[in-house]
Amino acid sequence: MHFDLSHILQSLQHFQITPWKVVGYVGTLMFTGRWFVQLYYTRKYKRVVMPLSFWWMSVTGSALLLAYFVFGKNDSVGILSNFFPVFVSVYNLFVHMRHHKNNVTGDEING
């Protein structure tokens, strides 16, 4: 493998940050950052914990990445890889919030 620093520097000269790339970068940070949040809470409570912030970050990150791949890049691979996680994250967020509400009110969770 040949390492060509001049080629890398030349490629960086053509690197542009567009508004849609910012959307994509923020989505990537949110979607990746959720695992650090989950790790923090798991270490804090010494058991596997999926905090509410994990699901909010999942929904936000997935939605931003989906928007980037649909409108900013028009990339079918990115669209397919982020389409399903949006729905799973929204569902899990809903279940998490419903479960928390039931724990607070003492209501039973119906099946």
N, C-alpha and C. Protein backbone atom coordinates (compact mmCIF):
# COMPACT_ATOMS: atom_id res chain seq x y z
N MET A 1 0.85 -1.17 0.00
CA MET A 1 0.00 0.00 0.00
C MET A 1 0.89 1.23 0.00
N HIS A 2 0.62 2.15 -0.89
CA HIS A 2 1.42 3.36 -1.06
C HIS A 2 0.72 4.52 -0.38
N PHE A 3 1.47 5.24 0.45
CA PHE A 3 0.92 6.39 1.17
C PHE A 3 1.34 7.65 0.43
N ASP A 4 0.37 8.38 -0.12
CA ASP A 4 0.67 9.58 -0.90
C ASP A 4 0.06 10.79 -0.21
N LEU A 5 0.89 11.50 0.55
CA LEU A 5 0.43 12.66 1.31
C LEU A 5 -0.07 13.76 0.39
N SER A 6 0.56 13.95 -0.75
CA SER A 6 0.12 15.01 -1.66
C SER A 6 -1.29 14.74 -2.18
N HIS A 7 -1.62 13.46 -2.42
CA HIS A 7 -2.97 13.12 -2.88
C HIS A 7 -4.00 13.41 -1.78
N ILE A 8 -3.66 13.10 -0.54
CA ILE A 8 -4.56 13.37 0.58
C ILE A 8 -4.77 14.87 0.73
N LEU A 9 -3.70 15.65 0.68
CA LEU A 9 -3.81 17.10 0.81
C LEU A 9 -4.62 17.70 -0.33
N GLN A 10 -4.43 17.17 -1.52
CA GLN A 10 -5.20 17.64 -2.67
C GLN A 10 -6.68 17.32 -2.50
N SER A 11 -7.01 16.16 -1.96
CA SER A 11 -8.40 15.79 -1.72
C SER A 11 -9.03 16.71 -0.69
N LEU A 12 -8.26 17.09 0.33
CA LEU A 12 -8.79 17.98 1.37
C LEU A 12 -9.08 19.37 0.84
N GLN A 13 -8.38 19.79 -0.20
CA GLN A 13 -8.64 21.10 -0.79
C GLN A 13 -10.03 21.17 -1.41
N HIS A 14 -10.54 20.03 -1.85
CA HIS A 14 -11.85 19.98 -2.50
C HIS A 14 -12.97 19.64 -1.51
N PHE A 15 -12.62 19.47 -0.26
CA PHE A 15 -13.60 19.13 0.78
C PHE A 15 -14.44 20.36 1.09
N GLN A 16 -15.76 20.20 1.00
CA GLN A 16 -16.67 21.30 1.28
C GLN A 16 -17.69 20.87 2.30
N ILE A 17 -17.98 21.76 3.21
CA ILE A 17 -19.04 21.51 4.18
C ILE A 17 -20.28 22.26 3.72
N THR A 18 -21.31 21.49 3.41
CA THR A 18 -22.58 22.06 2.97
C THR A 18 -23.57 21.99 4.14
N PRO A 19 -24.66 22.72 4.08
CA PRO A 19 -25.66 22.61 5.14
C PRO A 19 -26.17 21.18 5.34
N TRP A 20 -26.31 20.43 4.24
CA TRP A 20 -26.77 19.05 4.38
C TRP A 20 -25.71 18.17 5.02
N LYS A 21 -24.44 18.45 4.78
CA LYS A 21 -23.39 17.69 5.46
C LYS A 21 -23.41 17.97 6.95
N VAL A 22 -23.71 19.21 7.33
CA VAL A 22 -23.82 19.54 8.76
C VAL A 22 -24.96 18.71 9.37
N VAL A 23 -26.08 18.62 8.67
CA VAL A 23 -27.20 17.79 9.13
C VAL A 23 -26.74 16.34 9.31
N GLY A 24 -26.01 15.83 8.34
CA GLY A 24 -25.50 14.47 8.40
C GLY A 24 -24.51 14.27 9.55
N TYR A 25 -23.61 15.24 9.75
CA TYR A 25 -22.64 15.13 10.84
C TYR A 25 -23.33 15.17 12.20
N VAL A 26 -24.30 16.06 12.36
CA VAL A 26 -25.03 16.14 13.63
C VAL A 26 -25.80 14.83 13.87
N GLY A 27 -26.43 14.32 12.82
CA GLY A 27 -27.14 13.03 12.94
C GLY A 27 -26.20 11.91 13.34
N THR A 28 -25.03 11.87 12.75
CA THR A 28 -24.03 10.85 13.08
C THR A 28 -23.58 10.99 14.53
N LEU A 29 -23.33 12.23 14.96
CA LEU A 29 -22.92 12.46 16.35
C LEU A 29 -24.01 12.03 17.33
N MET A 30 -25.26 12.34 17.01
CA MET A 30 -26.37 11.95 17.89
C MET A 30 -26.52 10.43 17.93
N PHE A 31 -26.49 9.81 16.77
CA PHE A 31 -26.72 8.37 16.70
C PHE A 31 -25.58 7.60 17.34
N THR A 32 -24.36 8.08 17.18
CA THR A 32 -23.20 7.43 17.80
C THR A 32 -23.12 7.78 19.29
N GLY A 33 -23.41 9.03 19.63
CA GLY A 33 -23.31 9.49 21.01
C GLY A 33 -24.26 8.79 21.95
N ARG A 34 -25.34 8.26 21.42
CA ARG A 34 -26.31 7.57 22.27
C ARG A 34 -25.68 6.38 22.97
N TRP A 35 -24.69 5.74 22.33
CA TRP A 35 -24.03 4.59 22.94
C TRP A 35 -23.17 5.01 24.12
N PHE A 36 -22.61 6.21 24.08
CA PHE A 36 -21.84 6.70 25.22
C PHE A 36 -22.76 7.04 26.39
N VAL A 37 -23.95 7.54 26.09
CA VAL A 37 -24.95 7.80 27.12
C VAL A 37 -25.36 6.47 27.76
N GLN A 38 -25.64 5.48 26.93
CA GLN A 38 -26.04 4.17 27.44
C GLN A 38 -24.93 3.56 28.28
N LEU A 39 -23.70 3.66 27.85
CA LEU A 39 -22.55 3.14 28.60
C LEU A 39 -22.43 3.84 29.96
N TYR A 40 -22.60 5.15 29.98
CA TYR A 40 -22.53 5.91 31.22
C TYR A 40 -23.56 5.40 32.23
N TYR A 41 -24.81 5.26 31.80
CA TYR A 41 -25.86 4.81 32.72
C TYR A 41 -25.67 3.36 33.12
N THR A 42 -25.20 2.52 32.23
CA THR A 42 -24.94 1.13 32.58
C THR A 42 -23.86 1.04 33.65
N ARG A 43 -22.80 1.83 33.49
CA ARG A 43 -21.74 1.83 34.50
C ARG A 43 -22.23 2.43 35.81
N LYS A 44 -23.04 3.46 35.73
CA LYS A 44 -23.55 4.13 36.92
C LYS A 44 -24.42 3.19 37.77
N TYR A 45 -25.32 2.45 37.10
CA TYR A 45 -26.25 1.58 37.82
C TYR A 45 -25.80 0.12 37.89
N LYS A 46 -24.65 -0.18 37.26
CA LYS A 46 -24.06 -1.52 37.28
C LYS A 46 -25.01 -2.60 36.74
N ARG A 47 -25.81 -2.20 35.77
CA ARG A 47 -26.69 -3.09 35.02
C ARG A 47 -26.99 -2.41 33.69
N VAL A 48 -27.44 -3.16 32.72
CA VAL A 48 -27.73 -2.59 31.41
C VAL A 48 -28.94 -1.67 31.52
N VAL A 49 -28.75 -0.42 31.13
CA VAL A 49 -29.79 0.60 31.22
C VAL A 49 -29.91 1.31 29.88
N MET A 50 -31.14 1.48 29.42
CA MET A 50 -31.41 2.24 28.21
C MET A 50 -32.20 3.47 28.62
N PRO A 51 -31.52 4.57 28.95
CA PRO A 51 -32.23 5.75 29.45
C PRO A 51 -33.06 6.41 28.36
N LEU A 52 -33.99 7.25 28.79
CA LEU A 52 -34.86 7.97 27.86
C LEU A 52 -34.04 8.78 26.86
N SER A 53 -32.94 9.36 27.32
CA SER A 53 -32.09 10.16 26.41
C SER A 53 -31.53 9.31 25.27
N PHE A 54 -31.29 8.02 25.53
CA PHE A 54 -30.81 7.13 24.47
C PHE A 54 -31.81 7.09 23.33
N TRP A 55 -33.10 6.97 23.68
CA TRP A 55 -34.12 6.87 22.63
C TRP A 55 -34.35 8.20 21.93
N TRP A 56 -34.28 9.31 22.66
CA TRP A 56 -34.40 10.62 22.01
C TRP A 56 -33.24 10.84 21.04
N MET A 57 -32.03 10.45 21.47
CA MET A 57 -30.87 10.60 20.58
C MET A 57 -30.99 9.68 19.37
N SER A 58 -31.56 8.49 19.57
CA SER A 58 -31.78 7.56 18.46
C SER A 58 -32.75 8.13 17.44
N VAL A 59 -33.88 8.64 17.93
CA VAL A 59 -34.88 9.22 17.03
C VAL A 59 -34.30 10.42 16.29
N THR A 60 -33.68 11.32 17.02
CA THR A 60 -33.11 12.53 16.41
C THR A 60 -32.01 12.19 15.41
N GLY A 61 -31.08 11.34 15.83
CA GLY A 61 -29.98 10.96 14.93
C GLY A 61 -30.46 10.26 13.68
N SER A 62 -31.39 9.31 13.85
CA SER A 62 -31.93 8.59 12.68
C SER A 62 -32.67 9.52 11.74
N ALA A 63 -33.48 10.41 12.30
CA ALA A 63 -34.24 11.34 11.46
C ALA A 63 -33.31 12.29 10.70
N LEU A 64 -32.29 12.80 11.37
CA LEU A 64 -31.34 13.69 10.69
C LEU A 64 -30.57 12.95 9.61
N LEU A 65 -30.13 11.74 9.91
CA LEU A 65 -29.42 10.96 8.89
C LEU A 65 -30.33 10.60 7.72
N LEU A 66 -31.56 10.26 8.02
CA LEU A 66 -32.51 9.96 6.94
C LEU A 66 -32.73 11.19 6.07
N ALA A 67 -32.89 12.36 6.70
CA ALA A 67 -33.06 13.60 5.93
C ALA A 67 -31.83 13.87 5.07
N TYR A 68 -30.65 13.67 5.64
CA TYR A 68 -29.42 13.88 4.87
C TYR A 68 -29.37 12.97 3.64
N PHE A 69 -29.67 11.68 3.85
CA PHE A 69 -29.57 10.75 2.73
C PHE A 69 -30.69 10.91 1.71
N VAL A 70 -31.85 11.42 2.13
CA VAL A 70 -32.95 11.64 1.20
C VAL A 70 -32.75 12.93 0.42
N PHE A 71 -32.52 14.04 1.14
CA PHE A 71 -32.49 15.36 0.51
C PHE A 71 -31.09 15.85 0.18
N GLY A 72 -30.12 15.54 1.02
CA GLY A 72 -28.78 16.06 0.83
C GLY A 72 -27.92 15.25 -0.11
N LYS A 73 -28.11 13.95 -0.13
CA LYS A 73 -27.23 13.09 -0.91
C LYS A 73 -27.98 12.22 -1.92
N ASN A 74 -29.25 11.94 -1.65
CA ASN A 74 -30.04 11.05 -2.51
C ASN A 74 -29.32 9.71 -2.70
N ASP A 75 -29.04 9.08 -1.56
CA ASP A 75 -28.28 7.82 -1.54
C ASP A 75 -29.18 6.71 -1.01
N SER A 76 -29.52 5.77 -1.88
CA SER A 76 -30.46 4.72 -1.50
C SER A 76 -29.93 3.82 -0.39
N VAL A 77 -28.63 3.59 -0.33
CA VAL A 77 -28.05 2.76 0.74
C VAL A 77 -28.24 3.46 2.09
N GLY A 78 -27.96 4.74 2.14
CA GLY A 78 -28.14 5.51 3.38
C GLY A 78 -29.60 5.60 3.77
N ILE A 79 -30.47 5.74 2.78
CA ILE A 79 -31.91 5.81 3.06
C ILE A 79 -32.38 4.50 3.69
N LEU A 80 -32.02 3.39 3.08
CA LEU A 80 -32.44 2.08 3.59
C LEU A 80 -31.84 1.79 4.96
N SER A 81 -30.60 2.21 5.19
CA SER A 81 -29.96 1.89 6.46
C SER A 81 -30.47 2.77 7.60
N ASN A 82 -31.17 3.86 7.30
CA ASN A 82 -31.69 4.74 8.36
C ASN A 82 -33.21 4.77 8.42
N PHE A 83 -33.88 4.19 7.45
CA PHE A 83 -35.34 4.20 7.41
C PHE A 83 -35.93 3.38 8.56
N PHE A 84 -35.48 2.14 8.70
CA PHE A 84 -36.02 1.26 9.74
C PHE A 84 -35.68 1.74 11.15
N PRO A 85 -34.44 2.17 11.45
CA PRO A 85 -34.14 2.62 12.81
C PRO A 85 -35.01 3.77 13.31
N VAL A 86 -35.49 4.63 12.41
CA VAL A 86 -36.36 5.73 12.84
C VAL A 86 -37.62 5.16 13.48
N PHE A 87 -38.24 4.18 12.84
CA PHE A 87 -39.47 3.62 13.36
C PHE A 87 -39.25 2.82 14.64
N VAL A 88 -38.17 2.06 14.69
CA VAL A 88 -37.86 1.29 15.89
C VAL A 88 -37.59 2.23 17.06
N SER A 89 -36.85 3.29 16.81
CA SER A 89 -36.53 4.25 17.87
C SER A 89 -37.78 4.97 18.37
N VAL A 90 -38.66 5.37 17.46
CA VAL A 90 -39.90 6.03 17.87
C VAL A 90 -40.76 5.07 18.70
N TYR A 91 -40.86 3.83 18.26
CA TYR A 91 -41.63 2.84 19.01
C TYR A 91 -41.05 2.64 20.41
N ASN A 92 -39.73 2.45 20.49
CA ASN A 92 -39.09 2.24 21.79
C ASN A 92 -39.21 3.47 22.69
N LEU A 93 -39.15 4.64 22.11
CA LEU A 93 -39.34 5.87 22.88
C LEU A 93 -40.76 5.90 23.46
N PHE A 94 -41.75 5.56 22.63
CA PHE A 94 -43.14 5.52 23.08
C PHE A 94 -43.32 4.51 24.22
N VAL A 95 -42.77 3.31 24.06
CA VAL A 95 -42.88 2.27 25.08
C VAL A 95 -42.18 2.71 26.36
N HIS A 96 -41.01 3.30 26.23
CA HIS A 96 -40.26 3.78 27.40
C HIS A 96 -41.05 4.83 28.16
N MET A 97 -41.62 5.78 27.45
CA MET A 97 -42.37 6.85 28.10
C MET A 97 -43.66 6.31 28.73
N ARG A 98 -44.33 5.38 28.06
CA ARG A 98 -45.55 4.78 28.60
C ARG A 98 -45.23 3.98 29.86
N HIS A 99 -44.14 3.23 29.81
CA HIS A 99 -43.73 2.44 30.98
C HIS A 99 -43.38 3.36 32.15
N HIS A 100 -42.68 4.45 31.87
CA HIS A 100 -42.31 5.40 32.93
C HIS A 100 -43.56 6.03 33.52
N LYS A 101 -44.50 6.41 32.68
CA LYS A 101 -45.76 7.02 33.15
C LYS A 101 -46.50 6.03 34.05
N ASN A 102 -46.57 4.77 33.65
CA ASN A 102 -47.26 3.76 34.44
C ASN A 102 -46.56 3.51 35.77
N ASN A 103 -45.24 3.58 35.79
CA ASN A 103 -44.50 3.43 37.03
C ASN A 103 -44.77 4.60 37.98
N VAL A 104 -44.89 5.79 37.42
CA VAL A 104 -45.13 6.97 38.24
C VAL A 104 -46.54 6.96 38.80
N THR A 105 -47.53 6.61 37.96
CA THR A 105 -48.94 6.65 38.38
C THR A 105 -49.36 5.38 39.12
N GLY A 106 -48.59 4.31 38.97
CA GLY A 106 -48.97 3.04 39.58
C GLY A 106 -49.95 2.26 38.75
N ASP A 107 -50.27 2.75 37.55
CA ASP A 107 -51.19 2.04 36.67
C ASP A 107 -50.53 0.76 36.18
N GLU A 108 -51.36 -0.25 35.93
CA GLU A 108 -50.82 -1.48 35.36
C GLU A 108 -50.63 -1.31 33.86
N ILE A 109 -49.64 -2.02 33.36
CA ILE A 109 -49.39 -2.02 31.91
C ILE A 109 -50.17 -3.18 31.33
N ASN A 110 -51.04 -2.86 30.38
CA ASN A 110 -51.83 -3.90 29.73
C ASN A 110 -51.09 -4.40 28.51
N GLY A 111 -50.95 -5.69 28.43
CA GLY A 111 -50.30 -6.41 27.50
C GLY A 111 -49.89 -6.22 26.24
